[in-house]
Amino acid sequence: MEADVIDTLNASSAAVRLHHVHHVNPDHHGSGFLAMNCMRQNRQLCDVSLHAGSDVILAHKVVLASCSAYFLAMFNCDMSEK
């Protein structure tokens, strides 16, 4: 009995791996950035702080790097600003 259940689970897993699953949401980028901004405002998952004068801005490296070649280089190279 137990072997039959395991064989069935293995067959199901193999079948699932063969199918491609696509998530379709036309506003995925908008809702994604909205969620990340909300997390930033709530100081959640921020992994970098930008200092400009006396201001400190918490941010997400992946967001900055995806929108700016400068930040991409900064976070991936040995820049003094890092």
PDB file of N, CA and C in Angstrom:
ATOM      1  N   MET A   1       0.835  -1.196   0.000  1.00  0.00           N
ATOM      2  CA  MET A   1       0.000   0.000   0.000  1.00  0.00           C
ATOM      3  C   MET A   1       0.874   1.252   0.000  1.00  0.00           C
ATOM      4  N   GLU A   2       1.834   1.319   0.927  1.00  0.00           N
ATOM      5  CA  GLU A   2       2.690   2.497   1.023  1.00  0.00           C
ATOM      6  C   GLU A   2       3.496   2.694  -0.262  1.00  0.00           C
ATOM      7  N   ALA A   3       3.986   1.601  -0.845  1.00  0.00           N
ATOM      8  CA  ALA A   3       4.753   1.693  -2.094  1.00  0.00           C
ATOM      9  C   ALA A   3       3.878   2.224  -3.223  1.00  0.00           C
ATOM     10  N   ASP A   4       2.593   1.820  -3.254  1.00  0.00           N
ATOM     11  CA  ASP A   4       1.680   2.318  -4.281  1.00  0.00           C
ATOM     12  C   ASP A   4       1.490   3.824  -4.161  1.00  0.00           C
ATOM     13  N   VAL A   5       1.368   4.320  -2.937  1.00  0.00           N
ATOM     14  CA  VAL A   5       1.195   5.754  -2.702  1.00  0.00           C
ATOM     15  C   VAL A   5       2.434   6.503  -3.146  1.00  0.00           C
ATOM     16  N   ILE A   6       3.615   5.990  -2.820  1.00  0.00           N
ATOM     17  CA  ILE A   6       4.866   6.637  -3.216  1.00  0.00           C
ATOM     18  C   ILE A   6       4.987   6.651  -4.738  1.00  0.00           C
ATOM     19  N   ASP A   7       4.658   5.513  -5.411  1.00  0.00           N
ATOM     20  CA  ASP A   7       4.710   5.466  -6.872  1.00  0.00           C
ATOM     21  C   ASP A   7       3.751   6.475  -7.495  1.00  0.00           C
ATOM     22  N   THR A   8       2.567   6.611  -6.906  1.00  0.00           N
ATOM     23  CA  THR A   8       1.584   7.568  -7.403  1.00  0.00           C
ATOM     24  C   THR A   8       2.098   8.989  -7.239  1.00  0.00           C
ATOM     25  N   LEU A   9       2.704   9.277  -6.082  1.00  0.00           N
ATOM     26  CA  LEU A   9       3.259  10.617  -5.847  1.00  0.00           C
ATOM     27  C   LEU A   9       4.394  10.905  -6.815  1.00  0.00           C
ATOM     28  N   ASN A  10       5.263   9.934  -7.054  1.00  0.00           N
ATOM     29  CA  ASN A  10       6.364  10.123  -7.999  1.00  0.00           C
ATOM     30  C   ASN A  10       5.836  10.365  -9.407  1.00  0.00           C
ATOM     31  N   ALA A  11       4.816   9.629  -9.803  1.00  0.00           N
ATOM     32  CA  ALA A  11       4.222   9.819 -11.126  1.00  0.00           C
ATOM     33  C   ALA A  11       3.580  11.193 -11.226  1.00  0.00           C
ATOM     34  N   SER A  12       2.908  11.631 -10.167  1.00  0.00           N
ATOM     35  CA  SER A  12       2.285  12.958 -10.168  1.00  0.00           C
ATOM     36  C   SER A  12       3.337  14.043 -10.257  1.00  0.00           C
ATOM     37  N   SER A  13       4.427  13.884  -9.507  1.00  0.00           N
ATOM     38  CA  SER A  13       5.502  14.879  -9.534  1.00  0.00           C
ATOM     39  C   SER A  13       6.123  14.972 -10.910  1.00  0.00           C
ATOM     40  N   ALA A  14       6.321  13.824 -11.547  1.00  0.00           N
ATOM     41  CA  ALA A  14       6.892  13.821 -12.896  1.00  0.00           C
ATOM     42  C   ALA A  14       5.965  14.515 -13.874  1.00  0.00           C
ATOM     43  N   ALA A  15       4.669  14.282 -13.739  1.00  0.00           N
ATOM     44  CA  ALA A  15       3.695  14.915 -14.628  1.00  0.00           C
ATOM     45  C   ALA A  15       3.681  16.416 -14.438  1.00  0.00           C
ATOM     46  N   VAL A  16       3.793  16.870 -13.213  1.00  0.00           N
ATOM     47  CA  VAL A  16       3.797  18.308 -12.926  1.00  0.00           C
ATOM     48  C   VAL A  16       5.036  18.955 -13.532  1.00  0.00           C
ATOM     49  N   ARG A  17       6.173  18.292 -13.472  1.00  0.00           N
ATOM     50  CA  ARG A  17       7.412  18.854 -14.013  1.00  0.00           C
ATOM     51  C   ARG A  17       7.343  19.023 -15.530  1.00  0.00           C
ATOM     52  N   LEU A  18       6.516  18.235 -16.200  1.00  0.00           N
ATOM     53  CA  LEU A  18       6.425  18.311 -17.657  1.00  0.00           C
ATOM     54  C   LEU A  18       5.608  19.503 -18.143  1.00  0.00           C
ATOM     55  N   HIS A  19       4.735  20.022 -17.323  1.00  0.00           N
ATOM     56  CA  HIS A  19       3.874  21.129 -17.710  1.00  0.00           C
ATOM     57  C   HIS A  19       4.511  22.462 -17.319  1.00  0.00           C
ATOM     58  N   HIS A  20       4.408  23.436 -18.201  1.00  0.00           N
ATOM     59  CA  HIS A  20       4.882  24.777 -17.887  1.00  0.00           C
ATOM     60  C   HIS A  20       3.720  25.570 -17.316  1.00  0.00           C
ATOM     61  N   VAL A  21       3.983  26.256 -16.237  1.00  0.00           N
ATOM     62  CA  VAL A  21       2.950  27.074 -15.607  1.00  0.00           C
ATOM     63  C   VAL A  21       3.288  28.529 -15.864  1.00  0.00           C
ATOM     64  N   HIS A  22       2.331  29.282 -16.341  1.00  0.00           N
ATOM     65  CA  HIS A  22       2.545  30.690 -16.630  1.00  0.00           C
ATOM     66  C   HIS A  22       1.608  31.527 -15.780  1.00  0.00           C
ATOM     67  N   HIS A  23       2.167  32.522 -15.143  1.00  0.00           N
ATOM     68  CA  HIS A  23       1.375  33.480 -14.366  1.00  0.00           C
ATOM     69  C   HIS A  23       1.091  34.671 -15.270  1.00  0.00           C
ATOM     70  N   VAL A  24      -0.165  34.994 -15.470  1.00  0.00           N
ATOM     71  CA  VAL A  24      -0.521  36.108 -16.344  1.00  0.00           C
ATOM     72  C   VAL A  24      -1.221  37.174 -15.519  1.00  0.00           C
ATOM     73  N   ASN A  25      -0.595  38.340 -15.474  1.00  0.00           N
ATOM     74  CA  ASN A  25      -1.161  39.498 -14.786  1.00  0.00           C
ATOM     75  C   ASN A  25      -0.649  40.727 -15.522  1.00  0.00           C
ATOM     76  N   PRO A  26      -1.496  41.399 -16.295  1.00  0.00           N
ATOM     77  CA  PRO A  26      -1.041  42.547 -17.083  1.00  0.00           C
ATOM     78  C   PRO A  26      -0.434  43.666 -16.233  1.00  0.00           C
ATOM     79  N   ASP A  27      -0.804  43.752 -14.970  1.00  0.00           N
ATOM     80  CA  ASP A  27      -0.285  44.817 -14.107  1.00  0.00           C
ATOM     81  C   ASP A  27       0.732  44.278 -13.101  1.00  0.00           C
ATOM     82  N   HIS A  28       1.374  43.166 -13.445  1.00  0.00           N
ATOM     83  CA  HIS A  28       2.328  42.545 -12.515  1.00  0.00           C
ATOM     84  C   HIS A  28       3.432  43.524 -12.111  1.00  0.00           C
ATOM     85  N   HIS A  29       3.980  44.252 -13.080  1.00  0.00           N
ATOM     86  CA  HIS A  29       5.055  45.199 -12.768  1.00  0.00           C
ATOM     87  C   HIS A  29       4.551  46.314 -11.853  1.00  0.00           C
ATOM     88  N   GLY A  30       3.366  46.821 -12.118  1.00  0.00           N
ATOM     89  CA  GLY A  30       2.826  47.906 -11.288  1.00  0.00           C
ATOM     90  C   GLY A  30       2.536  47.448  -9.879  1.00  0.00           C
ATOM     91  N   SER A  31       1.878  46.303  -9.743  1.00  0.00           N
ATOM     92  CA  SER A  31       1.551  45.814  -8.402  1.00  0.00           C
ATOM     93  C   SER A  31       2.806  45.374  -7.665  1.00  0.00           C
ATOM     94  N   GLY A  32       3.797  44.873  -8.400  1.00  0.00           N
ATOM     95  CA  GLY A  32       5.058  44.476  -7.770  1.00  0.00           C
ATOM     96  C   GLY A  32       5.797  45.668  -7.186  1.00  0.00           C
ATOM     97  N   PHE A  33       5.931  46.729  -7.971  1.00  0.00           N
ATOM     98  CA  PHE A  33       6.612  47.924  -7.469  1.00  0.00           C
ATOM     99  C   PHE A  33       5.821  48.585  -6.352  1.00  0.00           C
ATOM    100  N   LEU A  34       4.497  48.551  -6.435  1.00  0.00           N
ATOM    101  CA  LEU A  34       3.667  49.091  -5.360  1.00  0.00           C
ATOM    102  C   LEU A  34       3.914  48.326  -4.060  1.00  0.00           C
ATOM    103  N   ALA A  35       3.979  47.001  -4.135  1.00  0.00           N
ATOM    104  CA  ALA A  35       4.242  46.179  -2.954  1.00  0.00           C
ATOM    105  C   ALA A  35       5.635  46.446  -2.390  1.00  0.00           C
ATOM    106  N   MET A  36       6.644  46.568  -3.281  1.00  0.00           N
ATOM    107  CA  MET A  36       8.005  46.842  -2.802  1.00  0.00           C
ATOM    108  C   MET A  36       8.104  48.213  -2.164  1.00  0.00           C
ATOM    109  N   ASN A  37       7.407  49.210  -2.714  1.00  0.00           N
ATOM    110  CA  ASN A  37       7.423  50.545  -2.123  1.00  0.00           C
ATOM    111  C   ASN A  37       6.751  50.530  -0.758  1.00  0.00           C
ATOM    112  N   CYS A  38       5.669  49.783  -0.632  1.00  0.00           N
ATOM    113  CA  CYS A  38       4.982  49.660   0.656  1.00  0.00           C
ATOM    114  C   CYS A  38       5.910  49.022   1.689  1.00  0.00           C
ATOM    115  N   MET A  39       6.632  47.980   1.284  1.00  0.00           N
ATOM    116  CA  MET A  39       7.600  47.353   2.191  1.00  0.00           C
ATOM    117  C   MET A  39       8.692  48.342   2.576  1.00  0.00           C
ATOM    118  N   ARG A  40       9.162  49.117   1.618  1.00  0.00           N
ATOM    119  CA  ARG A  40      10.207  50.114   1.907  1.00  0.00           C
ATOM    120  C   ARG A  40       9.701  51.137   2.904  1.00  0.00           C
ATOM    121  N   GLN A  41       8.481  51.617   2.701  1.00  0.00           N
ATOM    122  CA  GLN A  41       7.912  52.605   3.616  1.00  0.00           C
ATOM    123  C   GLN A  41       7.736  52.043   5.019  1.00  0.00           C
ATOM    124  N   ASN A  42       7.496  50.744   5.108  1.00  0.00           N
ATOM    125  CA  ASN A  42       7.348  50.087   6.410  1.00  0.00           C
ATOM    126  C   ASN A  42       8.671  49.530   6.931  1.00  0.00           C
ATOM    127  N   ARG A  43       9.774  49.893   6.246  1.00  0.00           N
ATOM    128  CA  ARG A  43      11.118  49.478   6.635  1.00  0.00           C
ATOM    129  C   ARG A  43      11.277  47.960   6.640  1.00  0.00           C
ATOM    130  N   GLN A  44      10.617  47.292   5.709  1.00  0.00           N
ATOM    131  CA  GLN A  44      10.684  45.837   5.610  1.00  0.00           C
ATOM    132  C   GLN A  44      11.609  45.425   4.470  1.00  0.00           C
ATOM    133  N   LEU A  45      12.497  44.515   4.731  1.00  0.00           N
ATOM    134  CA  LEU A  45      13.378  43.905   3.740  1.00  0.00           C
ATOM    135  C   LEU A  45      14.306  44.900   3.044  1.00  0.00           C
ATOM    136  N   CYS A  46      14.491  46.086   3.593  1.00  0.00           N
ATOM    137  CA  CYS A  46      15.435  47.053   3.023  1.00  0.00           C
ATOM    138  C   CYS A  46      16.849  46.549   3.294  1.00  0.00           C
ATOM    139  N   ASP A  47      17.699  46.613   2.283  1.00  0.00           N
ATOM    140  CA  ASP A  47      19.051  46.099   2.455  1.00  0.00           C
ATOM    141  C   ASP A  47      20.134  47.124   2.117  1.00  0.00           C
ATOM    142  N   VAL A  48      19.724  48.388   1.956  1.00  0.00           N
ATOM    143  CA  VAL A  48      20.704  49.449   1.722  1.00  0.00           C
ATOM    144  C   VAL A  48      20.114  50.768   2.207  1.00  0.00           C
ATOM    145  N   SER A  49      20.983  51.645   2.676  1.00  0.00           N
ATOM    146  CA  SER A  49      20.536  52.989   3.052  1.00  0.00           C
ATOM    147  C   SER A  49      21.353  54.003   2.265  1.00  0.00           C
ATOM    148  N   LEU A  50      20.655  54.954   1.662  1.00  0.00           N
ATOM    149  CA  LEU A  50      21.297  56.015   0.887  1.00  0.00           C
ATOM    150  C   LEU A  50      21.351  57.261   1.752  1.00  0.00           C
ATOM    151  N   HIS A  51      22.504  57.879   1.812  1.00  0.00           N
ATOM    152  CA  HIS A  51      22.692  59.078   2.632  1.00  0.00           C
ATOM    153  C   HIS A  51      22.892  60.276   1.714  1.00  0.00           C
ATOM    154  N   ALA A  52      22.049  61.276   1.860  1.00  0.00           N
ATOM    155  CA  ALA A  52      22.134  62.512   1.081  1.00  0.00           C
ATOM    156  C   ALA A  52      22.017  63.662   2.064  1.00  0.00           C
ATOM    157  N   GLY A  53      23.157  64.266   2.378  1.00  0.00           N
ATOM    158  CA  GLY A  53      23.149  65.295   3.415  1.00  0.00           C
ATOM    159  C   GLY A  53      22.755  64.671   4.738  1.00  0.00           C
ATOM    160  N   SER A  54      21.727  65.217   5.359  1.00  0.00           N
ATOM    161  CA  SER A  54      21.260  64.661   6.631  1.00  0.00           C
ATOM    162  C   SER A  54      20.121  63.655   6.432  1.00  0.00           C
ATOM    163  N   ASP A  55      19.707  63.435   5.197  1.00  0.00           N
ATOM    164  CA  ASP A  55      18.625  62.495   4.907  1.00  0.00           C
ATOM    165  C   ASP A  55      19.164  61.076   4.723  1.00  0.00           C
ATOM    166  N   VAL A  56      18.410  60.116   5.209  1.00  0.00           N
ATOM    167  CA  VAL A  56      18.725  58.704   5.006  1.00  0.00           C
ATOM    168  C   VAL A  56      17.503  58.055   4.364  1.00  0.00           C
ATOM    169  N   ILE A  57      17.729  57.408   3.219  1.00  0.00           N
ATOM    170  CA  ILE A  57      16.646  56.769   2.486  1.00  0.00           C
ATOM    171  C   ILE A  57      16.910  55.268   2.458  1.00  0.00           C
ATOM    172  N   LEU A  58      15.997  54.492   3.037  1.00  0.00           N
ATOM    173  CA  LEU A  58      16.112  53.040   2.994  1.00  0.00           C
ATOM    174  C   LEU A  58      15.611  52.553   1.648  1.00  0.00           C
ATOM    175  N   ALA A  59      16.256  51.516   1.122  1.00  0.00           N
ATOM    176  CA  ALA A  59      15.888  51.036  -0.212  1.00  0.00           C
ATOM    177  C   ALA A  59      16.187  49.551  -0.355  1.00  0.00           C
ATOM    178  N   HIS A  60      15.787  49.018  -1.502  1.00  0.00           N
ATOM    179  CA  HIS A  60      16.049  47.635  -1.871  1.00  0.00           C
ATOM    180  C   HIS A  60      17.079  47.647  -2.994  1.00  0.00           C
ATOM    181  N   LYS A  61      18.197  46.982  -2.803  1.00  0.00           N
ATOM    182  CA  LYS A  61      19.248  46.958  -3.820  1.00  0.00           C
ATOM    183  C   LYS A  61      18.738  46.474  -5.176  1.00  0.00           C
ATOM    184  N   VAL A  62      17.921  45.437  -5.162  1.00  0.00           N
ATOM    185  CA  VAL A  62      17.460  44.868  -6.432  1.00  0.00           C
ATOM    186  C   VAL A  62      16.632  45.877  -7.228  1.00  0.00           C
ATOM    187  N   VAL A  63      15.861  46.709  -6.545  1.00  0.00           N
ATOM    188  CA  VAL A  63      15.062  47.719  -7.239  1.00  0.00           C
ATOM    189  C   VAL A  63      15.976  48.788  -7.823  1.00  0.00           C
ATOM    190  N   LEU A  64      16.917  49.269  -7.021  1.00  0.00           N
ATOM    191  CA  LEU A  64      17.844  50.295  -7.508  1.00  0.00           C
ATOM    192  C   LEU A  64      18.685  49.774  -8.671  1.00  0.00           C
ATOM    193  N   ALA A  65      19.214  48.551  -8.536  1.00  0.00           N
ATOM    194  CA  ALA A  65      20.076  47.990  -9.567  1.00  0.00           C
ATOM    195  C   ALA A  65      19.310  47.691 -10.851  1.00  0.00           C
ATOM    196  N   SER A  66      18.044  47.330 -10.729  1.00  0.00           N
ATOM    197  CA  SER A  66      17.274  47.016 -11.937  1.00  0.00           C
ATOM    198  C   SER A  66      16.889  48.268 -12.713  1.00  0.00           C
ATOM    199  N   CYS A  67      16.921  49.416 -12.053  1.00  0.00           N
ATOM    200  CA  CYS A  67      16.527  50.674 -12.701  1.00  0.00           C
ATOM    201  C   CYS A  67      17.704  51.579 -13.021  1.00  0.00           C
ATOM    202  N   SER A  68      18.907  51.222 -12.566  1.00  0.00           N
ATOM    203  CA  SER A  68      20.040  52.126 -12.728  1.00  0.00           C
ATOM    204  C   SER A  68      21.340  51.357 -12.946  1.00  0.00           C
ATOM    205  N   ALA A  69      21.996  51.623 -14.065  1.00  0.00           N
ATOM    206  CA  ALA A  69      23.290  50.992 -14.339  1.00  0.00           C
ATOM    207  C   ALA A  69      24.323  51.399 -13.296  1.00  0.00           C
ATOM    208  N   TYR A  70      24.210  52.625 -12.789  1.00  0.00           N
ATOM    209  CA  TYR A  70      25.131  53.105 -11.763  1.00  0.00           C
ATOM    210  C   TYR A  70      25.030  52.237 -10.505  1.00  0.00           C
ATOM    211  N   PHE A  71      23.794  52.022 -10.013  1.00  0.00           N
ATOM    212  CA  PHE A  71      23.625  51.208  -8.817  1.00  0.00           C
ATOM    213  C   PHE A  71      23.980  49.749  -9.080  1.00  0.00           C
ATOM    214  N   LEU A  72      23.674  49.240 -10.269  1.00  0.00           N
ATOM    215  CA  LEU A  72      24.056  47.874 -10.613  1.00  0.00           C
ATOM    216  C   LEU A  72      25.568  47.705 -10.493  1.00  0.00           C
ATOM    217  N   ALA A  73      26.320  48.656 -11.048  1.00  0.00           N
ATOM    218  CA  ALA A  73      27.781  48.602 -10.957  1.00  0.00           C
ATOM    219  C   ALA A  73      28.242  48.761  -9.509  1.00  0.00           C
ATOM    220  N   MET A  74      27.628  49.675  -8.787  1.00  0.00           N
ATOM    221  CA  MET A  74      28.029  49.922  -7.397  1.00  0.00           C
ATOM    222  C   MET A  74      27.871  48.676  -6.540  1.00  0.00           C
ATOM    223  N   PHE A  75      26.763  47.982  -6.698  1.00  0.00           N
ATOM    224  CA  PHE A  75      26.486  46.831  -5.849  1.00  0.00           C
ATOM    225  C   PHE A  75      27.238  45.577  -6.283  1.00  0.00           C
ATOM    226  N   ASN A  76      27.794  45.586  -7.493  1.00  0.00           N
ATOM    227  CA  ASN A  76      28.494  44.406  -7.996  1.00  0.00           C
ATOM    228  C   ASN A  76      29.995  44.587  -8.140  1.00  0.00           C
ATOM    229  N   CYS A  77      30.487  45.785  -7.929  1.00  0.00           N
ATOM    230  CA  CYS A  77      31.928  46.045  -8.032  1.00  0.00           C
ATOM    231  C   CYS A  77      32.415  46.590  -6.694  1.00  0.00           C
ATOM    232  N   ASP A  78      33.685  46.756  -6.586  1.00  0.00           N
ATOM    233  CA  ASP A  78      34.263  47.248  -5.334  1.00  0.00           C
ATOM    234  C   ASP A  78      34.377  48.763  -5.377  1.00  0.00           C
ATOM    235  N   MET A  79      33.215  49.444  -5.433  1.00  0.00           N
ATOM    236  CA  MET A  79      33.207  50.903  -5.465  1.00  0.00           C
ATOM    237  C   MET A  79      33.255  51.430  -4.021  1.00  0.00           C
ATOM    238  N   SER A  80      33.889  52.554  -3.840  1.00  0.00           N
ATOM    239  CA  SER A  80      34.017  53.126  -2.487  1.00  0.00           C
ATOM    240  C   SER A  80      32.659  53.516  -1.907  1.00  0.00           C
ATOM    241  N   GLU A  81      31.682  53.848  -2.775  1.00  0.00           N
ATOM    242  CA  GLU A  81      30.367  54.225  -2.291  1.00  0.00           C
ATOM    243  C   GLU A  81      29.608  53.038  -1.711  1.00  0.00           C
ATOM    244  N   LYS A  82      30.022  51.860  -2.078  1.00  0.00           N
ATOM    245  CA  LYS A  82      29.348  50.631  -1.638  1.00  0.00           C
ATOM    246  C   LYS A  82      29.347  50.588  -0.131  1.00  0.00           C
TER     247      LYS A  82
END
